[in-house]
Amino acid sequence: MLKKKEPWHSNNRIRVQDNFANWRQQSCRLHWNTTCDCNGGETTWCFSQVKGTLEDDVTEADLISCVEFNHDGELLATGDKGGRVVIFQRDPASKQCVPKKGEYNVYSTFQSHEPEFDYLKSLEIEEKINKIRWLKRKNQAHFLLSTNDKTIKLWKVSERDKRVTGYNTREEGGRPRDPTRVTALRVPTVRPADLMVEASPRRIFANAHTYHINSISLNSDQETYLSADDLRINLWHLEITDQSFNIVDIKPANMEELTEVITAAEFHPTECNLFVYSSSKGTIRLCDMRAAALCDRHAKLFEEPEDPHARSFFSEIISSISDVKLSNSGRYMMSRDYLGLKVWDLRMETKPVETYPVHEYLRSKLCSLYENDCIFDKFECCWSGDDQRLMTGSYNGFFRIFERGGAGAGARRGELTLEASRDAAARPRQPLRARRVAATAKRKKDEISVDCLDFNKKILHTAWHPHESIIAVAATNNLFIFQDKF
């Protein structure tokens, strides 16, 4: 599918054009609360952009389901429940400003997945994009993996700014030329043309998962990747689409004996033989593929002992790990459960080295959260490029940023609760303050009561630029981009 780089004049597929013709850029500078930079300097978070319409009427297909920067941060990809992938490219002029700006423009849009129907099981397969993962760039083209519940696709995104003219057997419009009218041979020439962005599927990896795919992760060798569903993890080679190797299988012989499911999986960033996967029982297993072909026996098990006095009906639900991310250095690992973040040292399995409560004030609301199914929400988390800051989402459009301190549980130098809302676009020059939530009925003037939180405005997906303090936050159908200003 060919698409001009200027998104507003695309003659691409009608469905893609209609859904993204209203995507617009709103750039303004807003000062967030001031925190400490990891190098000791002060950092002020600022609003940079919001992508998408700010209208209340939002369709289910427009809800963003994943966000991912590429390895140099020049491209930012989002997937939605309608099966579409939107790629944003950083504005070259924004990098030349002092200080640099994190402004992105629409680069390419394409339909990655279509709704399908499994006739053998009489099940509908949604087109929703569950995960996007970028491959490291090796040439002028970009490659990414996208997956829905059942099928993984490898996409090639390339540019074309030249065209060949002067064919002997074809007219300029591409129609075959009448051979009787060819009286002389011409040498075709290459001429400059309008920049076109082409997104084409290069590989389709299908029919390998019985259950819904929840994770894909590229190996550090850039040749293989893993895909995980509720009960199995498969290992793929990027050049082989009809064969994969099952490396983890926790399915019991009798499904009535099932006690846990796989919730997330990721390769180690530098060691190609290591990977981790988390479970609904709150455990994380580190596996070494050198030990055996089937990694049912883990090399390490990371689990925090449960306090028997704090056990309740909801303990098993809120201890389920929704996301696990290894640090860029490969030494630490971060896990997100319903109420908080934990940082683990891969050399110590007994307990996390750091613990960060995200929304501890919701502990008293677990009963109502269970009734409206919010307790089953799966929040993602991410590291900053220097591994010194953590980010994850919450409710009411809030997201949390934690500054890592020294060793020890809960040690940190600062934390922020920020909000991704339309007020940022409505008041482009007004400074914004950090938000605070009061857990009790008594609250201060600048605090919001826990009873007033909007649980429909949930921040599930976030991403951090690999080298700079630029973050992307998905809020329903909107993509907010924030940056720091020194």
Protein backbone atom coordinates (compact mmCIF):
# COMPACT_ATOMS: atom_id res chain seq x y z
CA MET A 1 0.00 0.00 0.00
CA LEU A 2 1.47 3.34 -1.02
CA LYS A 3 0.93 6.48 0.95
CA LYS A 4 2.18 10.01 0.55
CA LYS A 5 4.15 11.37 3.45
CA GLU A 6 1.69 14.25 3.84
CA PRO A 7 -1.20 12.45 5.63
CA TRP A 8 -3.96 14.93 4.85
CA HIS A 9 -3.86 14.32 1.07
CA SER A 10 -3.75 10.56 1.09
CA ASN A 11 -5.79 8.63 -1.42
CA ASN A 12 -5.28 5.41 0.45
CA ARG A 13 -7.95 3.08 1.65
CA ILE A 14 -11.13 4.88 2.64
CA ARG A 15 -11.32 3.24 6.02
CA VAL A 16 -7.85 4.36 7.07
CA GLN A 17 -8.37 7.85 5.67
CA ASP A 18 -11.70 8.37 7.42
CA ASN A 19 -10.38 7.30 10.80
CA PHE A 20 -7.25 9.38 10.70
CA ALA A 21 -8.21 12.45 8.71
CA ASN A 22 -9.00 14.15 12.03
CA TRP A 23 -5.69 13.31 13.63
CA ARG A 24 -4.04 16.62 14.30
CA GLN A 25 -1.09 18.09 16.00
CA GLN A 26 -1.42 20.54 18.84
CA SER A 27 1.92 21.84 20.05
CA CYS A 28 2.31 24.00 23.09
CA ARG A 29 4.57 24.35 26.06
CA LEU A 30 3.22 23.67 29.51
CA HIS A 31 5.27 23.39 32.66
CA TRP A 32 4.62 20.34 34.80
CA ASN A 33 5.88 19.94 38.31
CA THR A 34 9.65 20.03 38.87
CA THR A 35 11.52 16.88 39.87
CA CYS A 36 15.15 15.92 40.19
CA ASP A 37 17.03 14.70 37.15
CA CYS A 38 19.09 11.55 37.58
CA ASN A 39 22.23 13.67 37.17
CA GLY A 40 21.23 16.04 39.95
CA GLY A 41 19.74 18.82 37.82
CA GLU A 42 16.17 19.98 37.81
CA THR A 43 13.77 18.66 35.20
CA THR A 44 10.43 20.22 34.33
CA TRP A 45 7.92 18.05 32.50
CA CYS A 46 6.11 19.87 29.72
CA PHE A 47 3.18 19.07 27.49
CA SER A 48 4.32 18.74 23.87
CA GLN A 49 1.54 17.31 21.69
CA VAL A 50 -1.74 15.47 21.61
CA LYS A 51 -2.72 13.28 18.69
CA GLY A 52 -6.30 12.42 17.87
CA THR A 53 -9.61 14.20 18.22
CA LEU A 54 -10.66 15.45 21.65
CA GLU A 55 -14.34 14.73 21.09
CA ASP A 56 -16.45 12.72 23.52
CA ASP A 57 -17.88 10.47 20.81
CA VAL A 58 -15.24 7.74 20.55
CA THR A 59 -15.70 4.44 18.72
CA GLU A 60 -14.32 1.19 20.10
CA ALA A 61 -12.09 0.72 17.04
CA ASP A 62 -10.26 4.00 17.71
CA LEU A 63 -9.06 3.05 21.20
CA ILE A 64 -5.26 2.79 21.32
CA SER A 65 -4.11 -0.66 22.43
CA CYS A 66 -0.29 -0.37 22.30
CA VAL A 67 2.49 2.24 22.01
CA GLU A 68 6.12 1.63 21.08
CA PHE A 69 9.19 3.77 20.21
CA ASN A 70 11.76 2.34 17.81
CA HIS A 71 15.37 1.90 18.92
CA ASP A 72 16.57 5.43 18.12
CA GLY A 73 13.31 7.14 19.07
CA GLU A 74 12.80 8.72 15.66
CA LEU A 75 9.60 6.73 15.06
CA LEU A 76 6.67 6.08 17.37
CA ALA A 77 4.09 3.42 16.51
CA THR A 78 0.60 2.95 17.93
CA GLY A 79 -1.89 0.15 17.36
CA ASP A 80 -5.62 0.32 18.00
CA LYS A 81 -8.58 -1.99 18.46
CA GLY A 82 -9.53 -1.50 14.82
CA GLY A 83 -6.40 -3.35 13.67
CA ARG A 84 -4.66 -0.21 12.40
CA VAL A 85 -1.05 0.84 12.93
CA VAL A 86 -0.15 4.54 12.93
CA ILE A 87 3.53 5.52 12.73
CA PHE A 88 4.68 8.98 13.78
CA GLN A 89 8.03 10.45 12.75
CA ARG A 90 9.92 13.02 14.77
CA ASP A 91 9.98 16.44 13.17
CA PRO A 92 13.59 17.17 12.07
CA ALA A 93 13.16 20.87 12.93
CA SER A 94 12.22 20.02 16.51
CA LYS A 95 15.62 18.40 17.10
CA GLN A 96 17.47 21.57 16.05
CA CYS A 97 15.70 23.75 18.62
CA VAL A 98 17.37 24.64 21.90
CA PRO A 99 16.19 22.89 23.96
CA LYS A 100 15.16 20.04 21.67
CA LYS A 101 11.47 19.40 21.14
CA GLY A 102 9.77 16.05 21.03
CA GLU A 103 7.29 16.77 18.24
CA TYR A 104 6.05 14.00 15.96
CA ASN A 105 4.05 14.04 12.72
CA VAL A 106 2.03 11.27 11.09
CA TYR A 107 4.40 9.26 8.90
CA SER A 108 2.36 6.28 7.76
CA THR A 109 -0.92 4.52 8.51
CA PHE A 110 -1.93 1.04 7.40
CA GLN A 111 -4.36 -1.73 8.24
CA SER A 112 -2.34 -4.42 9.95
CA HIS A 113 -5.04 -6.98 10.87
CA GLU A 114 -8.59 -7.71 9.79
CA PRO A 115 -11.33 -9.46 11.80
CA GLU A 116 -11.37 -13.21 11.22
CA PHE A 117 -13.51 -16.17 12.17
CA ASP A 118 -12.29 -19.57 13.35
CA TYR A 119 -14.81 -21.97 11.84
CA LEU A 120 -13.44 -25.01 13.66
CA LYS A 121 -13.96 -23.44 17.09
CA SER A 122 -16.75 -21.03 16.12
CA LEU A 123 -14.80 -18.09 17.53
CA GLU A 124 -14.39 -14.56 16.28
CA ILE A 125 -10.80 -13.32 16.15
CA GLU A 126 -10.60 -9.61 16.84
CA GLU A 127 -8.43 -7.33 14.74
CA LYS A 128 -7.14 -5.51 17.85
CA ILE A 129 -3.35 -4.97 17.87
CA ASN A 130 -2.04 -6.44 21.13
CA LYS A 131 1.66 -5.63 20.74
CA ILE A 132 4.10 -3.87 18.39
CA ARG A 133 7.83 -4.49 18.47
CA TRP A 134 10.44 -2.73 16.30
CA LEU A 135 13.42 -4.50 14.78
CA LYS A 136 16.77 -2.72 14.84
CA ARG A 137 17.34 -0.86 11.60
CA LYS A 138 19.80 -2.48 9.19
CA ASN A 139 19.11 -0.53 6.00
CA GLN A 140 16.97 2.34 4.75
CA ALA A 141 13.74 0.47 5.53
CA HIS A 142 12.09 -0.04 8.92
CA PHE A 143 10.70 -3.37 10.13
CA LEU A 144 8.20 -4.06 12.90
CA LEU A 145 6.22 -6.97 14.29
CA SER A 146 2.53 -6.58 15.09
CA THR A 147 0.15 -9.16 16.51
CA ASN A 148 -3.49 -9.65 17.36
CA ASP A 149 -4.79 -12.62 19.35
CA LYS A 150 -3.69 -15.26 16.85
CA THR A 151 -1.55 -13.93 13.99
CA ILE A 152 1.83 -12.16 13.99
CA LYS A 153 2.94 -10.11 10.99
CA LEU A 154 6.30 -8.68 9.98
CA TRP A 155 5.90 -5.33 8.22
CA LYS A 156 8.39 -3.45 6.08
CA VAL A 157 8.02 0.35 6.02
CA SER A 158 10.09 2.01 3.30
CA GLU A 159 10.28 5.31 1.46
CA ARG A 160 10.23 5.92 -2.27
CA ASP A 161 11.17 9.33 -3.70
CA LYS A 162 12.13 8.35 -7.25
CA ARG A 163 10.25 6.94 -10.21
CA VAL A 164 11.31 5.28 -13.45
CA THR A 165 10.10 6.81 -16.71
CA GLY A 166 10.59 6.01 -20.39
CA TYR A 167 9.44 2.38 -20.53
CA ASN A 168 9.27 0.76 -23.96
CA THR A 169 6.33 -1.58 -23.32
CA ARG A 170 4.20 0.59 -21.03
CA GLU A 171 2.67 4.02 -21.11
CA GLU A 172 3.47 6.60 -18.42
CA GLY A 173 0.26 5.68 -16.62
CA GLY A 174 1.26 2.00 -16.46
CA ARG A 175 -1.02 0.65 -19.19
CA PRO A 176 0.49 -1.85 -21.69
CA ARG A 177 1.69 -0.17 -24.85
CA ASP A 178 0.61 -1.27 -28.34
CA PRO A 179 3.64 -3.14 -29.75
CA THR A 180 2.89 -1.80 -33.23
CA ARG A 181 3.47 1.74 -31.97
CA VAL A 182 6.94 0.97 -30.64
CA THR A 183 9.24 2.34 -33.33
CA ALA A 184 12.41 2.89 -31.30
CA LEU A 185 14.05 1.66 -28.13
CA ARG A 186 14.33 4.02 -25.20
CA VAL A 187 16.57 3.84 -22.14
CA PRO A 188 14.44 4.23 -18.96
CA THR A 189 15.52 7.03 -16.63
CA VAL A 190 15.13 7.57 -12.91
CA ARG A 191 13.63 10.91 -11.90
CA PRO A 192 12.73 12.54 -8.56
CA ALA A 193 9.12 12.12 -7.41
CA ASP A 194 6.89 12.96 -4.44
CA LEU A 195 7.90 11.04 -1.33
CA MET A 196 5.81 7.92 -0.86
CA VAL A 197 5.76 5.65 2.21
CA GLU A 198 5.07 1.99 1.51
CA ALA A 199 4.02 -0.50 4.19
CA SER A 200 4.02 -4.11 3.03
CA PRO A 201 3.71 -7.41 4.95
CA ARG A 202 6.88 -9.46 4.52
CA ARG A 203 6.05 -12.45 6.75
CA ILE A 204 2.86 -13.82 8.32
CA PHE A 205 3.26 -16.14 11.32
CA ALA A 206 -0.04 -17.89 11.98
CA ASN A 207 -1.67 -21.07 13.32
CA ALA A 208 0.75 -21.58 16.23
CA HIS A 209 -1.29 -20.43 19.24
CA THR A 210 -4.41 -22.03 20.65
CA TYR A 211 -4.93 -19.22 23.14
CA HIS A 212 -4.68 -15.44 22.88
CA ILE A 213 -1.23 -13.96 22.29
CA ASN A 214 -0.30 -11.50 25.04
CA SER A 215 3.40 -10.86 24.33
CA ILE A 216 6.00 -10.80 21.58
CA SER A 217 9.67 -10.01 22.18
CA LEU A 218 12.67 -9.71 19.84
CA ASN A 219 15.82 -11.55 20.76
CA SER A 220 19.10 -9.67 20.97
CA ASP A 221 20.36 -11.67 17.98
CA GLN A 222 17.69 -9.93 15.85
CA GLU A 223 16.98 -13.25 14.14
CA THR A 224 14.52 -14.91 16.51
CA TYR A 225 11.63 -13.79 18.68
CA LEU A 226 9.19 -15.31 21.13
CA SER A 227 5.42 -15.15 21.30
CA ALA A 228 3.47 -16.01 24.44
CA ASP A 229 -0.15 -16.89 25.06
CA ASP A 230 -1.92 -17.95 28.26
CA LEU A 231 -0.28 -21.37 28.48
CA ARG A 232 2.58 -21.59 25.99
CA ILE A 233 5.61 -19.69 24.69
CA ASN A 234 6.88 -20.30 21.17
CA LEU A 235 10.23 -19.44 19.61
CA TRP A 236 10.25 -18.23 15.99
CA HIS A 237 12.84 -17.46 13.36
CA LEU A 238 12.07 -14.33 11.37
CA GLU A 239 12.69 -16.13 8.07
CA ILE A 240 10.53 -19.20 8.83
CA THR A 241 6.77 -18.75 8.97
CA ASP A 242 5.49 -22.33 8.97
CA GLN A 243 7.41 -23.66 11.97
CA SER A 244 8.01 -22.59 15.57
CA PHE A 245 9.47 -24.30 18.63
CA ASN A 246 7.50 -24.63 21.84
CA ILE A 247 9.87 -23.63 24.66
CA VAL A 248 7.39 -23.31 27.56
CA ASP A 249 4.20 -25.31 28.07
CA ILE A 250 2.36 -25.05 31.40
CA LYS A 251 -0.88 -26.62 30.20
CA PRO A 252 -1.87 -29.42 32.63
CA ALA A 253 -3.12 -32.79 31.42
CA ASN A 254 -6.44 -31.99 33.08
CA MET A 255 -7.56 -28.39 32.55
CA GLU A 256 -9.46 -28.54 35.85
CA GLU A 257 -6.05 -28.58 37.55
CA LEU A 258 -5.03 -25.29 35.96
CA THR A 259 -3.79 -22.89 38.67
CA GLU A 260 -2.01 -20.11 36.74
CA VAL A 261 -1.59 -18.59 33.28
CA ILE A 262 1.23 -16.73 31.55
CA THR A 263 0.66 -12.97 31.54
CA ALA A 264 3.82 -11.52 29.92
CA ALA A 265 7.18 -12.62 28.50
CA GLU A 266 10.35 -10.87 27.38
CA PHE A 267 13.84 -11.69 26.15
CA HIS A 268 16.93 -10.44 27.97
CA PRO A 269 18.28 -7.32 26.21
CA THR A 270 21.83 -8.68 25.75
CA GLU A 271 21.88 -12.42 26.58
CA CYS A 272 20.17 -14.24 23.72
CA ASN A 273 19.68 -17.44 25.74
CA LEU A 274 17.73 -15.84 28.62
CA PHE A 275 14.11 -14.82 28.86
CA VAL A 276 11.57 -14.20 31.63
CA TYR A 277 7.85 -14.75 31.89
CA SER A 278 5.34 -13.77 34.56
CA SER A 279 2.23 -15.52 35.78
CA SER A 280 -1.14 -14.74 37.31
CA LYS A 281 0.13 -16.08 40.65
CA GLY A 282 2.55 -13.17 41.02
CA THR A 283 5.69 -15.12 40.14
CA ILE A 284 8.39 -14.43 37.54
CA ARG A 285 10.51 -17.19 36.07
CA LEU A 286 13.90 -16.72 34.45
CA CYS A 287 14.67 -19.44 31.89
CA ASP A 288 17.91 -20.41 30.17
CA MET A 289 17.52 -22.01 26.76
CA ARG A 290 20.96 -23.57 27.05
CA ALA A 291 19.73 -25.92 29.79
CA ALA A 292 17.08 -27.74 27.79
CA ALA A 293 14.99 -27.40 24.64
CA LEU A 294 11.80 -27.23 26.71
CA CYS A 295 12.21 -24.60 29.44
CA ASP A 296 9.54 -25.89 31.80
CA ARG A 297 12.16 -25.92 34.54
CA HIS A 298 13.16 -22.38 35.36
CA ALA A 299 16.65 -21.23 36.29
CA LYS A 300 15.37 -18.68 38.82
CA LEU A 301 12.04 -17.95 40.45
CA PHE A 302 11.25 -14.42 41.63
CA GLU A 303 8.46 -14.32 44.19
CA GLU A 304 7.77 -12.13 47.20
CA PRO A 305 6.35 -14.01 50.20
CA GLU A 306 2.82 -12.99 51.02
CA ASP A 307 1.97 -11.51 54.38
CA PRO A 308 -0.62 -13.92 55.87
CA HIS A 309 -2.17 -11.12 57.95
CA ALA A 310 -2.88 -9.04 54.83
CA ARG A 311 -4.48 -11.87 52.88
CA SER A 312 -8.01 -11.27 51.60
CA PHE A 313 -10.45 -12.45 48.94
CA PHE A 314 -8.74 -10.19 46.38
CA SER A 315 -5.14 -11.13 47.19
CA GLU A 316 -4.70 -13.53 44.28
CA ILE A 317 -6.27 -11.12 41.80
CA ILE A 318 -4.23 -8.05 42.71
CA SER A 319 -0.98 -10.06 42.92
CA SER A 320 -1.28 -11.12 39.28
CA ILE A 321 1.54 -9.54 37.24
CA SER A 322 0.24 -7.66 34.21
CA ASP A 323 3.61 -6.64 32.73
CA VAL A 324 7.29 -7.39 33.15
CA LYS A 325 10.16 -5.37 31.64
CA LEU A 326 13.90 -5.98 31.86
CA SER A 327 16.06 -2.87 32.25
CA ASN A 328 18.17 -1.67 29.35
CA SER A 329 21.33 -2.72 31.19
CA GLY A 330 19.90 -6.20 31.76
CA ARG A 331 20.64 -6.24 35.50
CA TYR A 332 17.19 -5.31 36.83
CA MET A 333 13.65 -6.31 36.10
CA MET A 334 10.42 -4.41 36.75
CA SER A 335 7.04 -6.02 37.33
CA ARG A 336 3.63 -4.38 37.57
CA ASP A 337 0.79 -5.81 39.59
CA TYR A 338 -2.55 -4.11 40.17
CA LEU A 339 -1.48 -1.80 43.00
CA GLY A 340 2.20 -1.16 42.44
CA LEU A 341 5.59 -1.59 40.81
CA LYS A 342 8.44 -3.79 41.96
CA VAL A 343 12.07 -3.72 40.85
CA TRP A 344 14.03 -6.95 41.08
CA ASP A 345 17.76 -7.60 40.90
CA LEU A 346 18.32 -10.64 38.69
CA ARG A 347 20.92 -11.81 41.19
CA MET A 348 18.47 -11.88 44.10
CA GLU A 349 15.28 -13.93 43.96
CA THR A 350 13.99 -13.65 47.52
CA LYS A 351 12.43 -10.17 47.39
CA PRO A 352 12.34 -7.03 45.24
CA VAL A 353 15.01 -4.41 45.85
CA GLU A 354 12.56 -1.55 45.33
CA THR A 355 8.78 -1.22 45.72
CA TYR A 356 6.68 1.67 44.44
CA PRO A 357 2.97 1.97 45.31
CA VAL A 358 1.08 3.30 42.28
CA HIS A 359 -2.43 3.70 43.66
CA GLU A 360 -2.43 2.22 47.15
CA TYR A 361 -5.48 4.37 47.93
CA LEU A 362 -7.56 1.92 45.87
CA ARG A 363 -7.04 -0.90 48.35
CA SER A 364 -10.19 0.13 50.20
CA LYS A 365 -12.14 0.15 46.90
CA LEU A 366 -11.31 -3.39 45.75
CA CYS A 367 -14.87 -4.62 46.24
CA SER A 368 -16.40 -2.04 43.91
CA LEU A 369 -13.49 -2.44 41.48
CA TYR A 370 -14.21 -6.16 41.39
CA GLU A 371 -17.88 -5.53 40.62
CA ASN A 372 -17.12 -3.27 37.66
CA ASP A 373 -14.24 -5.53 36.44
CA CYS A 374 -11.63 -2.75 36.77
CA ILE A 375 -9.63 -4.99 39.09
CA PHE A 376 -8.73 -7.09 36.02
CA ASP A 377 -7.22 -4.14 34.09
CA LYS A 378 -3.72 -4.85 32.80
CA PHE A 379 -1.41 -1.87 33.26
CA GLU A 380 1.90 -1.76 31.42
CA CYS A 381 5.16 -0.22 32.62
CA CYS A 382 8.38 1.07 31.07
CA TRP A 383 11.94 2.13 31.89
CA SER A 384 13.65 5.38 31.00
CA GLY A 385 16.65 5.11 28.72
CA ASP A 386 19.09 5.40 31.63
CA ASP A 387 17.14 2.95 33.85
CA GLN A 388 16.82 5.62 36.55
CA ARG A 389 13.10 6.34 36.17
CA LEU A 390 9.98 4.20 35.92
CA MET A 391 6.58 4.98 34.46
CA THR A 392 3.19 3.32 34.58
CA GLY A 393 -0.46 4.29 34.34
CA SER A 394 -3.41 4.65 36.65
CA TYR A 395 -7.05 5.83 36.55
CA ASN A 396 -8.62 9.25 35.95
CA GLY A 397 -6.08 9.92 33.18
CA PHE A 398 -3.24 9.80 35.73
CA PHE A 399 0.18 8.27 35.15
CA ARG A 400 3.04 7.90 37.61
CA ILE A 401 6.76 8.63 37.20
CA PHE A 402 9.15 7.40 39.89
CA GLU A 403 12.75 8.47 40.42
CA ARG A 404 14.87 5.55 41.53
CA GLY A 405 16.93 6.17 44.65
CA GLY A 406 19.42 3.89 46.30
CA ALA A 407 19.07 0.28 47.30
CA GLY A 408 16.26 -0.82 49.54
CA ALA A 409 12.54 -1.24 49.12
CA GLY A 410 10.76 1.99 48.38
CA ALA A 411 13.93 4.10 48.23
CA ARG A 412 13.44 6.96 45.79
CA ARG A 413 14.15 10.62 45.45
CA GLY A 414 10.88 11.74 43.96
CA GLU A 415 7.63 10.67 42.41
CA LEU A 416 5.03 12.42 40.30
CA THR A 417 1.39 11.92 39.50
CA LEU A 418 0.64 13.65 36.19
CA GLU A 419 -2.52 13.83 34.14
CA ALA A 420 -3.12 13.36 30.42
CA SER A 421 -6.26 15.37 29.74
CA ARG A 422 -7.78 17.75 27.23
CA ASP A 423 -7.16 20.64 29.64
CA ALA A 424 -3.58 20.66 28.39
CA ALA A 425 -4.77 21.58 24.89
CA ALA A 426 -7.47 23.96 26.14
CA ARG A 427 -5.00 25.99 28.21
CA PRO A 428 -1.80 25.89 26.19
CA ARG A 429 0.15 28.43 28.26
CA GLN A 430 -1.03 27.59 31.76
CA PRO A 431 1.40 25.78 34.07
CA LEU A 432 0.17 22.40 35.23
CA ARG A 433 0.78 21.03 38.69
CA ALA A 434 1.26 17.51 39.97
CA ARG A 435 -1.96 15.77 40.95
CA ARG A 436 -2.64 14.22 44.35
CA VAL A 437 -5.33 11.82 45.49
CA ALA A 438 -6.77 11.85 49.00
CA ALA A 439 -7.46 8.37 50.34
CA THR A 440 -9.84 9.65 53.02
CA ALA A 441 -12.81 11.98 53.09
CA LYS A 442 -10.62 14.75 54.46
CA ARG A 443 -8.64 16.26 51.63
CA LYS A 444 -6.61 19.35 50.97
CA LYS A 445 -7.56 22.05 48.52
CA ASP A 446 -5.32 20.77 45.71
CA GLU A 447 -6.23 17.09 46.16
CA ILE A 448 -8.87 14.98 44.43
CA SER A 449 -10.96 12.53 46.41
CA VAL A 450 -10.60 8.85 45.62
CA ASP A 451 -14.39 8.72 45.29
CA CYS A 452 -14.26 11.23 42.42
CA LEU A 453 -11.86 9.25 40.22
CA ASP A 454 -13.09 8.36 36.74
CA PHE A 455 -12.30 4.67 36.24
CA ASN A 456 -13.21 4.85 32.55
CA LYS A 457 -10.21 7.11 31.91
CA LYS A 458 -7.45 4.56 32.37
CA ILE A 459 -3.84 4.83 31.22
CA LEU A 460 -2.85 1.28 30.29
CA HIS A 461 -0.14 1.87 27.68
CA THR A 462 2.95 4.08 27.98
CA ALA A 463 6.34 4.33 26.26
CA TRP A 464 9.61 6.14 27.02
CA HIS A 465 12.04 7.48 24.42
CA PRO A 466 15.21 5.30 24.46
CA HIS A 467 17.65 8.23 24.76
CA GLU A 468 15.76 11.37 25.81
CA SER A 469 13.17 12.35 28.37
CA ILE A 470 10.23 12.11 25.99
CA ILE A 471 7.25 9.97 26.91
CA ALA A 472 4.12 8.85 25.07
CA VAL A 473 0.90 8.11 26.95
CA ALA A 474 -2.19 6.51 25.41
CA ALA A 475 -5.47 7.84 26.83
CA THR A 476 -8.44 6.12 25.13
CA ASN A 477 -8.19 7.36 21.49
CA ASN A 478 -5.64 10.12 22.20
CA LEU A 479 -1.86 9.93 22.21
CA PHE A 480 -0.22 12.47 24.52
CA ILE A 481 3.46 13.29 24.15
CA PHE A 482 5.36 14.94 26.99
CA GLN A 483 8.96 16.03 27.33
CA ASP A 484 11.24 17.53 29.94
CA LYS A 485 12.62 21.04 29.76
CA PHE A 486 15.86 21.82 31.54
